[in-house]
Amino acid sequence: TIPASLVDLTANAYTITASAGGSINIASNNITMNGLTFTADTTQSSSLINIGTTIGTTSNISNCFFDKMNAGVLNNQGNVNLIGVTIADSKGELSTSIINNTNGTMNIQGGTYSDNTGTNGGVVSVSGGIVSLSDAAQFNHNTASNNGGAFYTEGAGNLYATGVANIEHNSAQNGGGIYHSGGLMWFQDGSKVTISDN
């Protein structure tokens, strides 16, 4: 748990390895992370980053690489910007790689999300708040055992596209690319979302 009101984890070529139950838990704080690699001990379980349990926190995660994590980024009520992030080979033991709950806002700006697996949402599950896509974010070769090979929305979850995104070669029982049973799915005028071969 990180208690400071503002944390800056800007680094070059640093790797953080999480073992059983390993996580970064950011409660009521702002955080900046840039250029970090997160990897999991794949013989262990439940490695994640838990971000923003208080409304109004802002976290910027830029150019980070999440490799073989058993879970990825969990956002509750905060504002999270994922900028040029790569998440690959995540098992999604907490159902998927990226979870956005309650009133949280998750902006996915560019980056590559590939070869991840989950239960509902191979990459992203949205049960509340907003997830927005822009800057040529790539979602490729992800798999959900139930619904939404790349994205799954339910309840009050909203999925927006405000720029370019590519959702290709994903698979699930229902909704190979997107399974939407939540709030609003909205593509801004001028946005370009490619959904193919799912």
C-alpha atoms as a PDB file:
ATOM      1  CA  THR A   1       0.000   0.000   0.000  1.00  0.00           C
ATOM      2  CA  ILE A   2       1.359   3.409  -0.986  1.00  0.00           C
ATOM      3  CA  PRO A   3       0.318   6.113   1.533  1.00  0.00           C
ATOM      4  CA  ALA A   4       1.763   9.259  -0.069  1.00  0.00           C
ATOM      5  CA  SER A   5      -0.580  11.750  -1.692  1.00  0.00           C
ATOM      6  CA  LEU A   6       1.549  11.817  -4.836  1.00  0.00           C
ATOM      7  CA  VAL A   7       3.834   9.004  -5.951  1.00  0.00           C
ATOM      8  CA  ASP A   8       6.157   9.174  -8.946  1.00  0.00           C
ATOM      9  CA  LEU A   9       7.567   5.826 -10.075  1.00  0.00           C
ATOM     10  CA  THR A  10       9.378   6.994 -13.170  1.00  0.00           C
ATOM     11  CA  ALA A  11      12.140   4.631 -14.073  1.00  0.00           C
ATOM     12  CA  ASN A  12      14.235   3.284 -16.884  1.00  0.00           C
ATOM     13  CA  ALA A  13      14.633  -0.478 -17.284  1.00  0.00           C
ATOM     14  CA  TYR A  14      13.290  -1.308 -13.820  1.00  0.00           C
ATOM     15  CA  THR A  15      11.399  -4.561 -13.384  1.00  0.00           C
ATOM     16  CA  ILE A  16       8.948  -5.231 -10.562  1.00  0.00           C
ATOM     17  CA  THR A  17       8.224  -8.901  -9.938  1.00  0.00           C
ATOM     18  CA  ALA A  18       5.100  -9.838  -7.978  1.00  0.00           C
ATOM     19  CA  SER A  19       4.840 -13.154  -6.155  1.00  0.00           C
ATOM     20  CA  ALA A  20       1.822 -14.726  -4.407  1.00  0.00           C
ATOM     21  CA  GLY A  21      -0.699 -12.015  -3.648  1.00  0.00           C
ATOM     22  CA  GLY A  22       1.830  -9.403  -4.728  1.00  0.00           C
ATOM     23  CA  SER A  23       0.357  -6.062  -5.678  1.00  0.00           C
ATOM     24  CA  ILE A  24       0.592  -2.324  -5.666  1.00  0.00           C
ATOM     25  CA  ASN A  25      -2.406  -0.978  -3.772  1.00  0.00           C
ATOM     26  CA  ILE A  26      -2.943   2.745  -4.331  1.00  0.00           C
ATOM     27  CA  ALA A  27      -5.588   3.995  -1.937  1.00  0.00           C
ATOM     28  CA  SER A  28      -6.707   7.635  -2.060  1.00  0.00           C
ATOM     29  CA  ASN A  29      -3.609   8.782  -3.940  1.00  0.00           C
ATOM     30  CA  ASN A  30      -2.328  10.022  -7.273  1.00  0.00           C
ATOM     31  CA  ILE A  31       0.440   8.091  -8.992  1.00  0.00           C
ATOM     32  CA  THR A  32       2.686   8.412 -12.024  1.00  0.00           C
ATOM     33  CA  MET A  33       4.422   5.337 -13.449  1.00  0.00           C
ATOM     34  CA  ASN A  34       6.577   5.511 -16.561  1.00  0.00           C
ATOM     35  CA  GLY A  35       8.801   2.964 -18.242  1.00  0.00           C
ATOM     36  CA  LEU A  36       8.330   0.143 -15.749  1.00  0.00           C
ATOM     37  CA  THR A  37       8.067  -3.582 -16.429  1.00  0.00           C
ATOM     38  CA  PHE A  38       5.765  -5.648 -14.233  1.00  0.00           C
ATOM     39  CA  THR A  39       6.101  -9.402 -14.313  1.00  0.00           C
ATOM     40  CA  ALA A  40       4.608 -12.161 -12.212  1.00  0.00           C
ATOM     41  CA  ASP A  41       6.002 -15.316 -10.726  1.00  0.00           C
ATOM     42  CA  THR A  42       3.746 -17.517 -12.828  1.00  0.00           C
ATOM     43  CA  THR A  43       3.821 -20.300 -10.241  1.00  0.00           C
ATOM     44  CA  GLN A  44       2.012 -17.962  -7.838  1.00  0.00           C
ATOM     45  CA  SER A  45      -1.330 -16.150  -8.026  1.00  0.00           C
ATOM     46  CA  SER A  46      -3.197 -12.847  -7.979  1.00  0.00           C
ATOM     47  CA  SER A  47      -0.703 -10.133  -8.852  1.00  0.00           C
ATOM     48  CA  LEU A  48      -2.352  -6.815  -9.599  1.00  0.00           C
ATOM     49  CA  ILE A  49      -2.327  -3.067  -9.374  1.00  0.00           C
ATOM     50  CA  ASN A  50      -5.322  -1.735  -7.444  1.00  0.00           C
ATOM     51  CA  ILE A  51      -5.814   1.933  -8.253  1.00  0.00           C
ATOM     52  CA  GLY A  52      -7.954   4.752  -6.968  1.00  0.00           C
ATOM     53  CA  THR A  53     -10.402   3.823  -4.228  1.00  0.00           C
ATOM     54  CA  THR A  54     -11.306   7.496  -3.789  1.00  0.00           C
ATOM     55  CA  ILE A  55     -13.152   9.687  -6.271  1.00  0.00           C
ATOM     56  CA  GLY A  56     -10.885  12.320  -7.785  1.00  0.00           C
ATOM     57  CA  THR A  57      -7.553  10.483  -7.736  1.00  0.00           C
ATOM     58  CA  THR A  58      -5.634  10.520 -11.005  1.00  0.00           C
ATOM     59  CA  SER A  59      -3.087   7.933 -12.056  1.00  0.00           C
ATOM     60  CA  ASN A  60      -0.935   8.119 -15.182  1.00  0.00           C
ATOM     61  CA  ILE A  61       0.615   4.844 -16.308  1.00  0.00           C
ATOM     62  CA  SER A  62       2.820   5.410 -19.347  1.00  0.00           C
ATOM     63  CA  ASN A  63       4.963   3.092 -21.464  1.00  0.00           C
ATOM     64  CA  CYS A  64       4.740   0.256 -18.930  1.00  0.00           C
ATOM     65  CA  PHE A  65       4.838  -3.431 -19.769  1.00  0.00           C
ATOM     66  CA  PHE A  66       2.727  -5.966 -17.862  1.00  0.00           C
ATOM     67  CA  ASP A  67       4.050  -9.423 -18.674  1.00  0.00           C
ATOM     68  CA  LYS A  68       2.225 -12.629 -17.726  1.00  0.00           C
ATOM     69  CA  MET A  69       0.400 -11.008 -14.822  1.00  0.00           C
ATOM     70  CA  ASN A  70      -2.314 -13.102 -13.185  1.00  0.00           C
ATOM     71  CA  ALA A  71      -4.370  -9.943 -13.085  1.00  0.00           C
ATOM     72  CA  GLY A  72      -3.740  -6.442 -14.353  1.00  0.00           C
ATOM     73  CA  VAL A  73      -5.169  -3.049 -13.427  1.00  0.00           C
ATOM     74  CA  LEU A  74      -8.201  -2.672 -11.148  1.00  0.00           C
ATOM     75  CA  ASN A  75      -9.745   0.803 -10.933  1.00  0.00           C
ATOM     76  CA  ASN A  76     -12.391   1.774  -8.386  1.00  0.00           C
ATOM     77  CA  GLN A  77     -13.705   5.351  -8.617  1.00  0.00           C
ATOM     78  CA  GLY A  78     -10.404   6.928  -9.700  1.00  0.00           C
ATOM     79  CA  ASN A  79      -9.250   8.362 -13.015  1.00  0.00           C
ATOM     80  CA  VAL A  80      -6.625   6.216 -14.755  1.00  0.00           C
ATOM     81  CA  ASN A  81      -4.766   7.034 -17.969  1.00  0.00           C
ATOM     82  CA  LEU A  82      -3.073   4.067 -19.643  1.00  0.00           C
ATOM     83  CA  ILE A  83      -0.732   5.644 -22.199  1.00  0.00           C
ATOM     84  CA  GLY A  84       1.236   3.407 -24.534  1.00  0.00           C
ATOM     85  CA  VAL A  85       0.878   0.458 -22.150  1.00  0.00           C
ATOM     86  CA  THR A  86       1.444  -3.158 -23.154  1.00  0.00           C
ATOM     87  CA  ILE A  87      -0.383  -5.997 -21.398  1.00  0.00           C
ATOM     88  CA  ALA A  88       0.482  -9.444 -22.742  1.00  0.00           C
ATOM     89  CA  ASP A  89      -0.165 -13.043 -21.718  1.00  0.00           C
ATOM     90  CA  SER A  90      -2.254 -12.118 -18.668  1.00  0.00           C
ATOM     91  CA  LYS A  91      -4.272 -14.987 -17.209  1.00  0.00           C
ATOM     92  CA  GLY A  92      -6.891 -12.728 -15.685  1.00  0.00           C
ATOM     93  CA  GLU A  93      -7.554 -14.739 -12.521  1.00  0.00           C
ATOM     94  CA  LEU A  94      -9.725 -11.862 -11.278  1.00  0.00           C
ATOM     95  CA  SER A  95     -11.833 -12.418 -14.431  1.00  0.00           C
ATOM     96  CA  THR A  96      -9.865 -10.185 -16.817  1.00  0.00           C
ATOM     97  CA  SER A  97      -6.793  -7.962 -17.193  1.00  0.00           C
ATOM     98  CA  ILE A  98      -8.365  -4.508 -16.723  1.00  0.00           C
ATOM     99  CA  ILE A  99     -11.371  -3.949 -14.484  1.00  0.00           C
ATOM    100  CA  ASN A 100     -13.188  -0.624 -14.205  1.00  0.00           C
ATOM    101  CA  ASN A 101     -15.779  -0.423 -11.408  1.00  0.00           C
ATOM    102  CA  THR A 102     -18.164   2.035  -9.775  1.00  0.00           C
ATOM    103  CA  ASN A 103     -17.564   5.603 -11.013  1.00  0.00           C
ATOM    104  CA  GLY A 104     -14.047   5.091 -12.323  1.00  0.00           C
ATOM    105  CA  THR A 105     -12.782   6.479 -15.626  1.00  0.00           C
ATOM    106  CA  MET A 106     -10.170   4.584 -17.614  1.00  0.00           C
ATOM    107  CA  ASN A 107      -8.613   6.222 -20.672  1.00  0.00           C
ATOM    108  CA  ILE A 108      -6.753   3.723 -22.857  1.00  0.00           C
ATOM    109  CA  GLN A 109      -4.543   5.817 -25.113  1.00  0.00           C
ATOM    110  CA  GLY A 110      -2.628   3.686 -27.578  1.00  0.00           C
ATOM    111  CA  GLY A 111      -0.740   0.617 -26.466  1.00  0.00           C
ATOM    112  CA  THR A 112      -0.996  -3.075 -27.258  1.00  0.00           C
ATOM    113  CA  TYR A 113      -3.139  -5.646 -25.452  1.00  0.00           C
ATOM    114  CA  SER A 114      -2.539  -9.122 -26.818  1.00  0.00           C
ATOM    115  CA  ASP A 115      -2.753 -12.820 -25.962  1.00  0.00           C
ATOM    116  CA  ASN A 116      -4.637 -12.234 -22.710  1.00  0.00           C
ATOM    117  CA  THR A 117      -7.357 -14.480 -21.305  1.00  0.00           C
ATOM    118  CA  GLY A 118     -10.274 -13.835 -18.980  1.00  0.00           C
ATOM    119  CA  THR A 119     -13.740 -15.026 -18.046  1.00  0.00           C
ATOM    120  CA  ASN A 120     -15.842 -12.054 -19.184  1.00  0.00           C
ATOM    121  CA  GLY A 121     -13.669  -9.717 -21.207  1.00  0.00           C
ATOM    122  CA  GLY A 122     -10.366 -11.070 -22.436  1.00  0.00           C
ATOM    123  CA  VAL A 123      -8.833  -7.664 -21.716  1.00  0.00           C
ATOM    124  CA  VAL A 124     -11.359  -5.206 -20.261  1.00  0.00           C
ATOM    125  CA  SER A 125     -14.401  -5.603 -18.007  1.00  0.00           C
ATOM    126  CA  VAL A 126     -16.528  -2.513 -17.330  1.00  0.00           C
ATOM    127  CA  SER A 127     -19.237  -2.737 -14.685  1.00  0.00           C
ATOM    128  CA  GLY A 128     -19.413   0.979 -13.896  1.00  0.00           C
ATOM    129  CA  GLY A 129     -17.983   4.294 -15.030  1.00  0.00           C
ATOM    130  CA  ILE A 130     -16.337   4.841 -18.410  1.00  0.00           C
ATOM    131  CA  VAL A 131     -13.597   3.197 -20.446  1.00  0.00           C
ATOM    132  CA  SER A 132     -12.513   5.233 -23.482  1.00  0.00           C
ATOM    133  CA  LEU A 133     -10.288   4.196 -26.390  1.00  0.00           C
ATOM    134  CA  SER A 134      -8.037   6.407 -28.534  1.00  0.00           C
ATOM    135  CA  ASP A 135      -4.616   6.817 -30.178  1.00  0.00           C
ATOM    136  CA  ALA A 136      -4.604   3.555 -32.138  1.00  0.00           C
ATOM    137  CA  ALA A 137      -4.987   1.199 -29.176  1.00  0.00           C
ATOM    138  CA  GLN A 138      -4.532  -2.411 -30.339  1.00  0.00           C
ATOM    139  CA  PHE A 139      -6.525  -5.372 -28.939  1.00  0.00           C
ATOM    140  CA  ASN A 140      -5.436  -8.565 -30.657  1.00  0.00           C
ATOM    141  CA  HIS A 141      -5.614 -12.324 -30.052  1.00  0.00           C
ATOM    142  CA  ASN A 142      -7.356 -12.145 -26.671  1.00  0.00           C
ATOM    143  CA  THR A 143      -9.781 -14.783 -25.395  1.00  0.00           C
ATOM    144  CA  ALA A 144     -12.684 -14.876 -22.938  1.00  0.00           C
ATOM    145  CA  SER A 145     -14.074 -18.199 -21.780  1.00  0.00           C
ATOM    146  CA  ASN A 146     -17.581 -16.679 -21.637  1.00  0.00           C
ATOM    147  CA  ASN A 147     -18.347 -13.273 -23.134  1.00  0.00           C
ATOM    148  CA  GLY A 148     -16.379 -10.536 -24.863  1.00  0.00           C
ATOM    149  CA  GLY A 149     -13.077 -11.613 -26.344  1.00  0.00           C
ATOM    150  CA  ALA A 150     -11.640  -8.131 -25.844  1.00  0.00           C
ATOM    151  CA  PHE A 151     -14.344  -6.101 -24.011  1.00  0.00           C
ATOM    152  CA  TYR A 152     -17.207  -6.922 -21.685  1.00  0.00           C
ATOM    153  CA  THR A 153     -19.639  -4.343 -20.303  1.00  0.00           C
ATOM    154  CA  GLU A 154     -22.422  -4.838 -17.784  1.00  0.00           C
ATOM    155  CA  GLY A 155     -24.602  -2.811 -15.451  1.00  0.00           C
ATOM    156  CA  ALA A 156     -23.689   0.865 -15.607  1.00  0.00           C
ATOM    157  CA  GLY A 157     -20.493   0.282 -17.580  1.00  0.00           C
ATOM    158  CA  ASN A 158     -19.880   2.550 -20.581  1.00  0.00           C
ATOM    159  CA  LEU A 159     -17.490   2.044 -23.498  1.00  0.00           C
ATOM    160  CA  TYR A 160     -16.459   5.092 -25.558  1.00  0.00           C
ATOM    161  CA  ALA A 161     -14.220   5.490 -28.594  1.00  0.00           C
ATOM    162  CA  THR A 162     -12.784   8.970 -29.096  1.00  0.00           C
ATOM    163  CA  GLY A 163     -10.099   8.127 -31.657  1.00  0.00           C
ATOM    164  CA  VAL A 164      -8.591   5.156 -33.460  1.00  0.00           C
ATOM    165  CA  ALA A 165      -8.712   1.616 -32.029  1.00  0.00           C
ATOM    166  CA  ASN A 166      -8.272  -1.835 -33.550  1.00  0.00           C
ATOM    167  CA  ILE A 167     -10.094  -4.867 -32.130  1.00  0.00           C
ATOM    168  CA  GLU A 168      -9.056  -7.885 -34.152  1.00  0.00           C
ATOM    169  CA  HIS A 169      -8.606 -11.665 -33.888  1.00  0.00           C
ATOM    170  CA  ASN A 170     -10.222 -12.027 -30.458  1.00  0.00           C
ATOM    171  CA  SER A 171     -12.518 -14.874 -29.427  1.00  0.00           C
ATOM    172  CA  ALA A 172     -15.261 -15.772 -26.932  1.00  0.00           C
ATOM    173  CA  GLN A 173     -18.420 -17.876 -26.770  1.00  0.00           C
ATOM    174  CA  ASN A 174     -20.426 -14.681 -27.277  1.00  0.00           C
ATOM    175  CA  GLY A 175     -19.130 -11.405 -28.662  1.00  0.00           C
ATOM    176  CA  GLY A 176     -15.717 -12.235 -30.074  1.00  0.00           C
ATOM    177  CA  GLY A 177     -14.641  -8.586 -29.994  1.00  0.00           C
ATOM    178  CA  ILE A 178     -17.162  -6.815 -27.733  1.00  0.00           C
ATOM    179  CA  TYR A 179     -19.987  -8.107 -25.547  1.00  0.00           C
ATOM    180  CA  HIS A 180     -22.116  -5.126 -24.503  1.00  0.00           C
ATOM    181  CA  SER A 181     -24.837  -5.523 -21.887  1.00  0.00           C
ATOM    182  CA  GLY A 182     -24.104  -2.367 -19.919  1.00  0.00           C
ATOM    183  CA  GLY A 183     -24.733   1.330 -20.267  1.00  0.00           C
ATOM    184  CA  LEU A 184     -23.734   3.366 -23.310  1.00  0.00           C
ATOM    185  CA  MET A 185     -21.469   2.303 -26.141  1.00  0.00           C
ATOM    186  CA  TRP A 186     -20.578   5.499 -28.001  1.00  0.00           C
ATOM    187  CA  PHE A 187     -18.242   6.225 -30.904  1.00  0.00           C
ATOM    188  CA  GLN A 188     -17.398   9.913 -31.225  1.00  0.00           C
ATOM    189  CA  ASP A 189     -17.762  11.528 -34.648  1.00  0.00           C
ATOM    190  CA  GLY A 190     -14.470  11.116 -36.467  1.00  0.00           C
ATOM    191  CA  SER A 191     -13.342   8.128 -34.431  1.00  0.00           C
ATOM    192  CA  LYS A 192     -12.335   4.997 -36.304  1.00  0.00           C
ATOM    193  CA  VAL A 193     -12.708   1.612 -34.668  1.00  0.00           C
ATOM    194  CA  THR A 194     -11.798  -1.479 -36.664  1.00  0.00           C
ATOM    195  CA  ILE A 195     -13.547  -4.640 -35.451  1.00  0.00           C
ATOM    196  CA  SER A 196     -12.644  -7.627 -37.604  1.00  0.00           C
ATOM    197  CA  ASP A 197     -11.896 -11.351 -37.606  1.00  0.00           C
ATOM    198  CA  ASN A 198     -13.345 -11.883 -34.121  1.00  0.00           C
END
